[in-house]
PDB file of N, CA and C in Angstrom:
ATOM      1  N   MET A   1      17.038  -6.356   3.412  1.00  0.00           N
ATOM      2  CA  MET A   1      15.621  -6.334   3.049  1.00  0.00           C
ATOM      3  C   MET A   1      15.350  -7.315   1.919  1.00  0.00           C
ATOM      4  N   GLY A   2      16.075  -8.454   1.882  1.00  0.00           N
ATOM      5  CA  GLY A   2      15.877  -9.460   0.852  1.00  0.00           C
ATOM      6  C   GLY A   2      14.769 -10.421   1.199  1.00  0.00           C
ATOM      7  N   THR A   3      13.660  -9.902   1.693  1.00  0.00           N
ATOM      8  CA  THR A   3      12.545 -10.746   2.082  1.00  0.00           C
ATOM      9  C   THR A   3      11.274 -10.339   1.357  1.00  0.00           C
ATOM     10  N   VAL A   4      10.318 -11.266   1.378  1.00  0.00           N
ATOM     11  CA  VAL A   4       9.013 -11.036   0.763  1.00  0.00           C
ATOM     12  C   VAL A   4       7.983 -10.989   1.882  1.00  0.00           C
ATOM     13  N   VAL A   5       7.059 -10.070   1.771  1.00  0.00           N
ATOM     14  CA  VAL A   5       6.019  -9.914   2.784  1.00  0.00           C
ATOM     15  C   VAL A   5       4.654  -9.893   2.109  1.00  0.00           C
ATOM     16  N   GLN A   6       3.659 -10.422   2.815  1.00  0.00           N
ATOM     17  CA  GLN A   6       2.287 -10.364   2.327  1.00  0.00           C
ATOM     18  C   GLN A   6       1.339 -10.409   3.513  1.00  0.00           C
ATOM     19  N   ARG A   7       0.114  -9.969   3.282  1.00  0.00           N
ATOM     20  CA  ARG A   7      -0.897 -10.012   4.331  1.00  0.00           C
ATOM     21  C   ARG A   7      -1.256 -11.460   4.657  1.00  0.00           C
ATOM     22  N   SER A   8      -1.607 -11.705   5.893  1.00  0.00           N
ATOM     23  CA  SER A   8      -2.085 -13.033   6.275  1.00  0.00           C
ATOM     24  C   SER A   8      -3.574 -13.136   5.939  1.00  0.00           C
ATOM     25  N   VAL A   9      -4.103 -14.325   6.065  1.00  0.00           N
ATOM     26  CA  VAL A   9      -5.526 -14.529   5.782  1.00  0.00           C
ATOM     27  C   VAL A   9      -6.398 -14.247   7.001  1.00  0.00           C
ATOM     28  N   ASN A  10      -5.786 -13.993   8.148  1.00  0.00           N
ATOM     29  CA  ASN A  10      -6.523 -13.811   9.400  1.00  0.00           C
ATOM     30  C   ASN A  10      -6.874 -12.355   9.679  1.00  0.00           C
ATOM     31  N   GLN A  11      -7.140 -11.587   8.638  1.00  0.00           N
ATOM     32  CA  GLN A  11      -7.440 -10.180   8.830  1.00  0.00           C
ATOM     33  C   GLN A  11      -8.408  -9.693   7.757  1.00  0.00           C
ATOM     34  N   ILE A  12      -9.071  -8.610   8.046  1.00  0.00           N
ATOM     35  CA  ILE A  12      -9.825  -7.872   7.047  1.00  0.00           C
ATOM     36  C   ILE A  12      -9.483  -6.401   7.239  1.00  0.00           C
ATOM     37  N   ALA A  13      -9.552  -5.654   6.167  1.00  0.00           N
ATOM     38  CA  ALA A  13      -9.199  -4.234   6.234  1.00  0.00           C
ATOM     39  C   ALA A  13     -10.181  -3.429   5.405  1.00  0.00           C
ATOM     40  N   CYS A  14     -10.384  -2.182   5.805  1.00  0.00           N
ATOM     41  CA  CYS A  14     -11.220  -1.292   5.004  1.00  0.00           C
ATOM     42  C   CYS A  14     -10.741   0.147   5.186  1.00  0.00           C
ATOM     43  N   ASP A  15     -11.023   0.950   4.165  1.00  0.00           N
ATOM     44  CA  ASP A  15     -10.693   2.369   4.185  1.00  0.00           C
ATOM     45  C   ASP A  15     -11.825   3.094   4.899  1.00  0.00           C
ATOM     46  N   MET A  16     -11.480   3.854   5.901  1.00  0.00           N
ATOM     47  CA  MET A  16     -12.473   4.587   6.685  1.00  0.00           C
ATOM     48  C   MET A  16     -12.331   6.088   6.437  1.00  0.00           C
ATOM     49  N   GLY A  17     -12.220   6.478   5.177  1.00  0.00           N
ATOM     50  CA  GLY A  17     -12.124   7.892   4.852  1.00  0.00           C
ATOM     51  C   GLY A  17     -10.816   8.520   5.259  1.00  0.00           C
ATOM     52  N   GLY A  18      -9.727   8.029   4.698  1.00  0.00           N
ATOM     53  CA  GLY A  18      -8.417   8.581   4.972  1.00  0.00           C
ATOM     54  C   GLY A  18      -7.587   7.753   5.930  1.00  0.00           C
ATOM     55  N   GLU A  19      -8.207   6.839   6.620  1.00  0.00           N
ATOM     56  CA  GLU A  19      -7.481   5.933   7.511  1.00  0.00           C
ATOM     57  C   GLU A  19      -7.901   4.516   7.162  1.00  0.00           C
ATOM     58  N   THR A  20      -6.945   3.613   7.143  1.00  0.00           N
ATOM     59  CA  THR A  20      -7.262   2.209   6.925  1.00  0.00           C
ATOM     60  C   THR A  20      -7.331   1.533   8.280  1.00  0.00           C
ATOM     61  N   VAL A  21      -8.365   0.730   8.464  1.00  0.00           N
ATOM     62  CA  VAL A  21      -8.545  -0.016   9.702  1.00  0.00           C
ATOM     63  C   VAL A  21      -8.415  -1.499   9.375  1.00  0.00           C
ATOM     64  N   VAL A  22      -7.578  -2.185  10.147  1.00  0.00           N
ATOM     65  CA  VAL A  22      -7.351  -3.615   9.977  1.00  0.00           C
ATOM     66  C   VAL A  22      -7.879  -4.320  11.217  1.00  0.00           C
ATOM     67  N   LEU A  23      -8.666  -5.365  10.998  1.00  0.00           N
ATOM     68  CA  LEU A  23      -9.193  -6.158  12.101  1.00  0.00           C
ATOM     69  C   LEU A  23      -8.521  -7.517  12.097  1.00  0.00           C
ATOM     70  N   ASP A  24      -7.903  -7.864  13.216  1.00  0.00           N
ATOM     71  CA  ASP A  24      -7.335  -9.197  13.405  1.00  0.00           C
ATOM     72  C   ASP A  24      -8.500 -10.113  13.756  1.00  0.00           C
ATOM     73  N   LEU A  25      -8.826 -11.035  12.869  1.00  0.00           N
ATOM     74  CA  LEU A  25      -9.988 -11.899  13.062  1.00  0.00           C
ATOM     75  C   LEU A  25      -9.822 -12.871  14.221  1.00  0.00           C
ATOM     76  N   GLN A  26      -8.599 -13.177  14.592  1.00  0.00           N
ATOM     77  CA  GLN A  26      -8.388 -14.112  15.698  1.00  0.00           C
ATOM     78  C   GLN A  26      -8.516 -13.433  17.062  1.00  0.00           C
ATOM     79  N   SER A  27      -7.969 -12.244  17.190  1.00  0.00           N
ATOM     80  CA  SER A  27      -7.978 -11.579  18.494  1.00  0.00           C
ATOM     81  C   SER A  27      -9.095 -10.550  18.637  1.00  0.00           C
ATOM     82  N   GLY A  28      -9.632 -10.090  17.512  1.00  0.00           N
ATOM     83  CA  GLY A  28     -10.650  -9.049  17.558  1.00  0.00           C
ATOM     84  C   GLY A  28     -10.085  -7.656  17.741  1.00  0.00           C
ATOM     85  N   VAL A  29      -8.770  -7.518  17.639  1.00  0.00           N
ATOM     86  CA  VAL A  29      -8.111  -6.219  17.821  1.00  0.00           C
ATOM     87  C   VAL A  29      -8.102  -5.455  16.501  1.00  0.00           C
ATOM     88  N   TYR A  30      -8.416  -4.161  16.584  1.00  0.00           N
ATOM     89  CA  TYR A  30      -8.372  -3.273  15.426  1.00  0.00           C
ATOM     90  C   TYR A  30      -7.051  -2.508  15.423  1.00  0.00           C
ATOM     91  N   TYR A  31      -6.527  -2.248  14.229  1.00  0.00           N
ATOM     92  CA  TYR A  31      -5.329  -1.441  14.048  1.00  0.00           C
ATOM     93  C   TYR A  31      -5.658  -0.327  13.079  1.00  0.00           C
ATOM     94  N   GLY A  32      -5.381   0.917  13.467  1.00  0.00           N
ATOM     95  CA  GLY A  32      -5.569   2.063  12.587  1.00  0.00           C
ATOM     96  C   GLY A  32      -4.250   2.400  11.905  1.00  0.00           C
ATOM     97  N   LEU A  33      -4.294   2.522  10.583  1.00  0.00           N
ATOM     98  CA  LEU A  33      -3.085   2.814   9.814  1.00  0.00           C
ATOM     99  C   LEU A  33      -3.151   4.215   9.234  1.00  0.00           C
ATOM    100  N   ASP A  34      -2.062   4.973   9.407  1.00  0.00           N
ATOM    101  CA  ASP A  34      -2.002   6.294   8.800  1.00  0.00           C
ATOM    102  C   ASP A  34      -1.786   6.152   7.291  1.00  0.00           C
ATOM    103  N   GLU A  35      -1.658   7.263   6.598  1.00  0.00           N
ATOM    104  CA  GLU A  35      -1.581   7.268   5.140  1.00  0.00           C
ATOM    105  C   GLU A  35      -0.444   6.402   4.589  1.00  0.00           C
ATOM    106  N   VAL A  36       0.748   6.552   5.130  1.00  0.00           N
ATOM    107  CA  VAL A  36       1.893   5.799   4.605  1.00  0.00           C
ATOM    108  C   VAL A  36       1.774   4.318   4.959  1.00  0.00           C
ATOM    109  N   ALA A  37       1.400   4.016   6.190  1.00  0.00           N
ATOM    110  CA  ALA A  37       1.213   2.611   6.581  1.00  0.00           C
ATOM    111  C   ALA A  37       0.113   1.972   5.738  1.00  0.00           C
ATOM    112  N   ALA A  38      -0.941   2.721   5.455  1.00  0.00           N
ATOM    113  CA  ALA A  38      -2.023   2.203   4.613  1.00  0.00           C
ATOM    114  C   ALA A  38      -1.521   1.916   3.204  1.00  0.00           C
ATOM    115  N   ARG A  39      -0.618   2.748   2.716  1.00  0.00           N
ATOM    116  CA  ARG A  39      -0.047   2.516   1.384  1.00  0.00           C
ATOM    117  C   ARG A  39       0.793   1.243   1.384  1.00  0.00           C
ATOM    118  N   VAL A  40       1.614   1.055   2.410  1.00  0.00           N
ATOM    119  CA  VAL A  40       2.390  -0.179   2.526  1.00  0.00           C
ATOM    120  C   VAL A  40       1.428  -1.364   2.587  1.00  0.00           C
ATOM    121  N   TRP A  41       0.379  -1.242   3.383  1.00  0.00           N
ATOM    122  CA  TRP A  41      -0.610  -2.310   3.523  1.00  0.00           C
ATOM    123  C   TRP A  41      -1.206  -2.674   2.157  1.00  0.00           C
ATOM    124  N   SER A  42      -1.529  -1.666   1.362  1.00  0.00           N
ATOM    125  CA  SER A  42      -2.106  -1.944   0.043  1.00  0.00           C
ATOM    126  C   SER A  42      -1.091  -2.626  -0.877  1.00  0.00           C
ATOM    127  N   LEU A  43       0.169  -2.258  -0.738  1.00  0.00           N
ATOM    128  CA  LEU A  43       1.210  -2.850  -1.582  1.00  0.00           C
ATOM    129  C   LEU A  43       1.447  -4.323  -1.277  1.00  0.00           C
ATOM    130  N   ILE A  44       1.210  -4.734  -0.039  1.00  0.00           N
ATOM    131  CA  ILE A  44       1.491  -6.126   0.326  1.00  0.00           C
ATOM    132  C   ILE A  44       0.245  -7.006   0.293  1.00  0.00           C
ATOM    133  N   GLU A  45      -0.777  -6.552  -0.406  1.00  0.00           N
ATOM    134  CA  GLU A  45      -1.956  -7.404  -0.586  1.00  0.00           C
ATOM    135  C   GLU A  45      -1.552  -8.703  -1.281  1.00  0.00           C
ATOM    136  N   GLU A  46      -0.633  -8.590  -2.219  1.00  0.00           N
ATOM    137  CA  GLU A  46      -0.005  -9.734  -2.877  1.00  0.00           C
ATOM    138  C   GLU A  46       1.453  -9.761  -2.427  1.00  0.00           C
ATOM    139  N   PRO A  47       2.088 -10.925  -2.427  1.00  0.00           N
ATOM    140  CA  PRO A  47       3.491 -10.986  -1.993  1.00  0.00           C
ATOM    141  C   PRO A  47       4.364  -9.985  -2.752  1.00  0.00           C
ATOM    142  N   LYS A  48       5.191  -9.277  -1.997  1.00  0.00           N
ATOM    143  CA  LYS A  48       6.068  -8.270  -2.594  1.00  0.00           C
ATOM    144  C   LYS A  48       7.335  -8.193  -1.769  1.00  0.00           C
ATOM    145  N   SER A  49       8.455  -7.992  -2.433  1.00  0.00           N
ATOM    146  CA  SER A  49       9.712  -7.864  -1.692  1.00  0.00           C
ATOM    147  C   SER A  49       9.716  -6.540  -0.930  1.00  0.00           C
ATOM    148  N   LEU A  50      10.391  -6.552   0.202  1.00  0.00           N
ATOM    149  CA  LEU A  50      10.504  -5.325   0.979  1.00  0.00           C
ATOM    150  C   LEU A  50      11.266  -4.256   0.211  1.00  0.00           C
ATOM    151  N   LEU A  51      12.199  -4.675  -0.640  1.00  0.00           N
ATOM    152  CA  LEU A  51      12.918  -3.700  -1.476  1.00  0.00           C
ATOM    153  C   LEU A  51      11.972  -3.009  -2.443  1.00  0.00           C
ATOM    154  N   ALA A  52      11.061  -3.767  -3.029  1.00  0.00           N
ATOM    155  CA  ALA A  52      10.090  -3.176  -3.953  1.00  0.00           C
ATOM    156  C   ALA A  52       9.170  -2.210  -3.218  1.00  0.00           C
ATOM    157  N   VAL A  53       8.739  -2.605  -2.026  1.00  0.00           N
ATOM    158  CA  VAL A  53       7.892  -1.720  -1.221  1.00  0.00           C
ATOM    159  C   VAL A  53       8.643  -0.438  -0.904  1.00  0.00           C
ATOM    160  N   ARG A  54       9.899  -0.568  -0.471  1.00  0.00           N
ATOM    161  CA  ARG A  54      10.711   0.606  -0.157  1.00  0.00           C
ATOM    162  C   ARG A  54      10.840   1.527  -1.364  1.00  0.00           C
ATOM    163  N   ASP A  55      11.134   0.962  -2.522  1.00  0.00           N
ATOM    164  CA  ASP A  55      11.307   1.775  -3.727  1.00  0.00           C
ATOM    165  C   ASP A  55      10.032   2.526  -4.098  1.00  0.00           C
ATOM    166  N   ILE A  56       8.893   1.870  -3.954  1.00  0.00           N
ATOM    167  CA  ILE A  56       7.617   2.521  -4.269  1.00  0.00           C
ATOM    168  C   ILE A  56       7.336   3.650  -3.289  1.00  0.00           C
ATOM    169  N   ILE A  57       7.535   3.385  -2.012  1.00  0.00           N
ATOM    170  CA  ILE A  57       7.285   4.422  -0.997  1.00  0.00           C
ATOM    171  C   ILE A  57       8.226   5.606  -1.203  1.00  0.00           C
ATOM    172  N   MET A  58       9.490   5.338  -1.505  1.00  0.00           N
ATOM    173  CA  MET A  58      10.443   6.428  -1.743  1.00  0.00           C
ATOM    174  C   MET A  58      10.061   7.252  -2.965  1.00  0.00           C
ATOM    175  N   ALA A  59       9.477   6.613  -3.981  1.00  0.00           N
ATOM    176  CA  ALA A  59       9.064   7.342  -5.174  1.00  0.00           C
ATOM    177  C   ALA A  59       7.827   8.209  -4.917  1.00  0.00           C
ATOM    178  N   GLU A  60       7.015   7.797  -3.966  1.00  0.00           N
ATOM    179  CA  GLU A  60       5.757   8.500  -3.709  1.00  0.00           C
ATOM    180  C   GLU A  60       5.836   9.525  -2.579  1.00  0.00           C
ATOM    181  N   TYR A  61       6.800   9.374  -1.684  1.00  0.00           N
ATOM    182  CA  TYR A  61       6.928  10.262  -0.531  1.00  0.00           C
ATOM    183  C   TYR A  61       8.369  10.763  -0.439  1.00  0.00           C
ATOM    184  N   GLU A  62       8.542  11.911   0.169  1.00  0.00           N
ATOM    185  CA  GLU A  62       9.880  12.468   0.345  1.00  0.00           C
ATOM    186  C   GLU A  62      10.493  11.867   1.611  1.00  0.00           C
ATOM    187  N   ILE A  63      11.307  10.829   1.416  1.00  0.00           N
ATOM    188  CA  ILE A  63      11.949  10.148   2.535  1.00  0.00           C
ATOM    189  C   ILE A  63      13.248   9.521   2.035  1.00  0.00           C
ATOM    190  N   ASP A  64      14.256   9.517   2.879  1.00  0.00           N
ATOM    191  CA  ASP A  64      15.529   8.915   2.491  1.00  0.00           C
ATOM    192  C   ASP A  64      15.450   7.399   2.665  1.00  0.00           C
ATOM    193  N   ALA A  65      16.341   6.678   2.004  1.00  0.00           N
ATOM    194  CA  ALA A  65      16.324   5.217   1.984  1.00  0.00           C
ATOM    195  C   ALA A  65      16.453   4.619   3.384  1.00  0.00           C
ATOM    196  N   GLN A  66      17.358   5.140   4.188  1.00  0.00           N
ATOM    197  CA  GLN A  66      17.582   4.576   5.520  1.00  0.00           C
ATOM    198  C   GLN A  66      16.343   4.722   6.400  1.00  0.00           C
ATOM    199  N   SER A  67      15.751   5.897   6.426  1.00  0.00           N
ATOM    200  CA  SER A  67      14.548   6.118   7.226  1.00  0.00           C
ATOM    201  C   SER A  67      13.383   5.284   6.708  1.00  0.00           C
ATOM    202  N   CYS A  68      13.271   5.207   5.387  1.00  0.00           N
ATOM    203  CA  CYS A  68      12.199   4.441   4.766  1.00  0.00           C
ATOM    204  C   CYS A  68      12.304   2.962   5.148  1.00  0.00           C
ATOM    205  N   GLU A  69      13.499   2.405   5.014  1.00  0.00           N
ATOM    206  CA  GLU A  69      13.705   0.992   5.372  1.00  0.00           C
ATOM    207  C   GLU A  69      13.369   0.753   6.837  1.00  0.00           C
ATOM    208  N   HIS A  70      13.860   1.625   7.697  1.00  0.00           N
ATOM    209  CA  HIS A  70      13.598   1.476   9.135  1.00  0.00           C
ATOM    210  C   HIS A  70      12.099   1.499   9.414  1.00  0.00           C
ATOM    211  N   ASP A  71      11.401   2.476   8.846  1.00  0.00           N
ATOM    212  CA  ASP A  71       9.964   2.606   9.098  1.00  0.00           C
ATOM    213  C   ASP A  71       9.182   1.409   8.565  1.00  0.00           C
ATOM    214  N   ILE A  72       9.529   0.945   7.379  1.00  0.00           N
ATOM    215  CA  ILE A  72       8.842  -0.211   6.795  1.00  0.00           C
ATOM    216  C   ILE A  72       9.103  -1.463   7.629  1.00  0.00           C
ATOM    217  N   LEU A  73      10.354  -1.685   7.996  1.00  0.00           N
ATOM    218  CA  LEU A  73      10.682  -2.861   8.807  1.00  0.00           C
ATOM    219  C   LEU A  73       9.980  -2.822  10.158  1.00  0.00           C
ATOM    220  N   THR A  74       9.908  -1.660  10.776  1.00  0.00           N
ATOM    221  CA  THR A  74       9.215  -1.512  12.060  1.00  0.00           C
ATOM    222  C   THR A  74       7.736  -1.839  11.904  1.00  0.00           C
ATOM    223  N   PHE A  75       7.112  -1.291  10.862  1.00  0.00           N
ATOM    224  CA  PHE A  75       5.700  -1.546  10.609  1.00  0.00           C
ATOM    225  C   PHE A  75       5.442  -3.023  10.326  1.00  0.00           C
ATOM    226  N   VAL A  76       6.241  -3.605   9.447  1.00  0.00           N
ATOM    227  CA  VAL A  76       6.053  -5.008   9.069  1.00  0.00           C
ATOM    228  C   VAL A  76       6.272  -5.924  10.272  1.00  0.00           C
ATOM    229  N   GLU A  77       7.254  -5.628  11.095  1.00  0.00           N
ATOM    230  CA  GLU A  77       7.496  -6.453  12.278  1.00  0.00           C
ATOM    231  C   GLU A  77       6.330  -6.348  13.258  1.00  0.00           C
ATOM    232  N   ARG A  78       5.791  -5.159  13.413  1.00  0.00           N
ATOM    233  CA  ARG A  78       4.626  -4.980  14.290  1.00  0.00           C
ATOM    234  C   ARG A  78       3.447  -5.801  13.773  1.00  0.00           C
ATOM    235  N   MET A  79       3.229  -5.756  12.478  1.00  0.00           N
ATOM    236  CA  MET A  79       2.124  -6.506  11.884  1.00  0.00           C
ATOM    237  C   MET A  79       2.391  -8.018  11.936  1.00  0.00           C
ATOM    238  N   ARG A  80       3.651  -8.427  11.789  1.00  0.00           N
ATOM    239  CA  ARG A  80       4.008  -9.845  11.899  1.00  0.00           C
ATOM    240  C   ARG A  80       3.765 -10.343  13.313  1.00  0.00           C
ATOM    241  N   SER A  81       4.163  -9.555  14.293  1.00  0.00           N
ATOM    242  CA  SER A  81       3.958  -9.928  15.692  1.00  0.00           C
ATOM    243  C   SER A  81       2.476 -10.089  16.024  1.00  0.00           C
ATOM    244  N   ALA A  82       1.656  -9.308  15.350  1.00  0.00           N
ATOM    245  CA  ALA A  82       0.205  -9.391  15.558  1.00  0.00           C
ATOM    246  C   ALA A  82      -0.425 -10.510  14.729  1.00  0.00           C
ATOM    247  N   GLY A  83       0.370 -11.145  13.856  1.00  0.00           N
ATOM    248  CA  GLY A  83      -0.153 -12.221  13.018  1.00  0.00           C
ATOM    249  C   GLY A  83      -0.867 -11.736  11.775  1.00  0.00           C
ATOM    250  N   LEU A  84      -0.632 -10.481  11.395  1.00  0.00           N
ATOM    251  CA  LEU A  84      -1.345  -9.890  10.260  1.00  0.00           C
ATOM    252  C   LEU A  84      -0.589  -9.954   8.943  1.00  0.00           C
ATOM    253  N   VAL A  85       0.703 -10.243   9.001  1.00  0.00           N
ATOM    254  CA  VAL A  85       1.496 -10.419   7.785  1.00  0.00           C
ATOM    255  C   VAL A  85       2.391 -11.636   7.935  1.00  0.00           C
ATOM    256  N   GLU A  86       2.799 -12.160   6.793  1.00  0.00           N
ATOM    257  CA  GLU A  86       3.734 -13.278   6.736  1.00  0.00           C
ATOM    258  C   GLU A  86       4.975 -12.793   6.026  1.00  0.00           C
ATOM    259  N   ILE A  87       6.135 -13.193   6.544  1.00  0.00           N
ATOM    260  CA  ILE A  87       7.413 -12.785   5.982  1.00  0.00           C
ATOM    261  C   ILE A  87       8.178 -14.046   5.573  1.00  0.00           C
ATOM    262  N   HIS A  88       8.724 -14.026   4.343  1.00  0.00           N
ATOM    263  CA  HIS A  88       9.458 -15.166   3.822  1.00  0.00           C
ATOM    264  C   HIS A  88      10.771 -14.684   3.234  1.00  0.00           C
ATOM    265  N   ASP A  89      11.785 -15.520   3.289  1.00  0.00           N
ATOM    266  CA  ASP A  89      13.050 -15.250   2.626  1.00  0.00           C
ATOM    267  C   ASP A  89      12.788 -15.275   1.120  1.00  0.00           C
ATOM    268  N   ALA A  90      13.316 -14.295   0.397  1.00  0.00           N
ATOM    269  CA  ALA A  90      13.086 -14.208  -1.045  1.00  0.00           C
ATOM    270  C   ALA A  90      13.625 -15.404  -1.811  1.00  0.00           C
ATOM    271  N   SER A  91      14.592 -16.130  -1.251  1.00  0.00           N
ATOM    272  CA  SER A  91      15.172 -17.275  -1.948  1.00  0.00           C
ATOM    273  C   SER A  91      14.345 -18.546  -1.772  1.00  0.00           C
ATOM    274  N   GLN A  92      13.371 -18.508  -0.859  1.00  0.00           N
ATOM    275  CA  GLN A  92      12.523 -19.681  -0.652  1.00  0.00           C
ATOM    276  C   GLN A  92      11.297 -19.589  -1.553  1.00  0.00           C
ATOM    277  N   PRO A  93      10.790 -20.716  -2.015  1.00  0.00           N
ATOM    278  CA  PRO A  93       9.601 -20.690  -2.879  1.00  0.00           C
ATOM    279  C   PRO A  93       8.353 -20.242  -2.161  1.00  0.00           C
TER     280      PRO A  93
END
C-alpha cells in the first residue's frame, strides 16, 4: 500500500443525507457510497497515501488491518477503473 491516491477532476460529489453520491462527469454515471466509502472519499480529496487512509479508517471503525486494506484497495480500484481517482507510486513526485 505504498501508493498515493486522490480524486480525479472529472467528478463531483455531494452528501445526500447519510449517503455520498459521486457523479462521473464524463460518463454521467452516479455512484452511491456507504458511510465507510464516503469517509475514504473525503480523505482522498487531497492526495493521501493508502497507508494513511487505512490507519485513519482503522482508528475510526472496528476493523482489522487485513480486511481494511482489502476493502480500501477494492474501493480505490473500482473508483480508478471508473476514472474517479488517480493512483501514483509514493516515490514519484
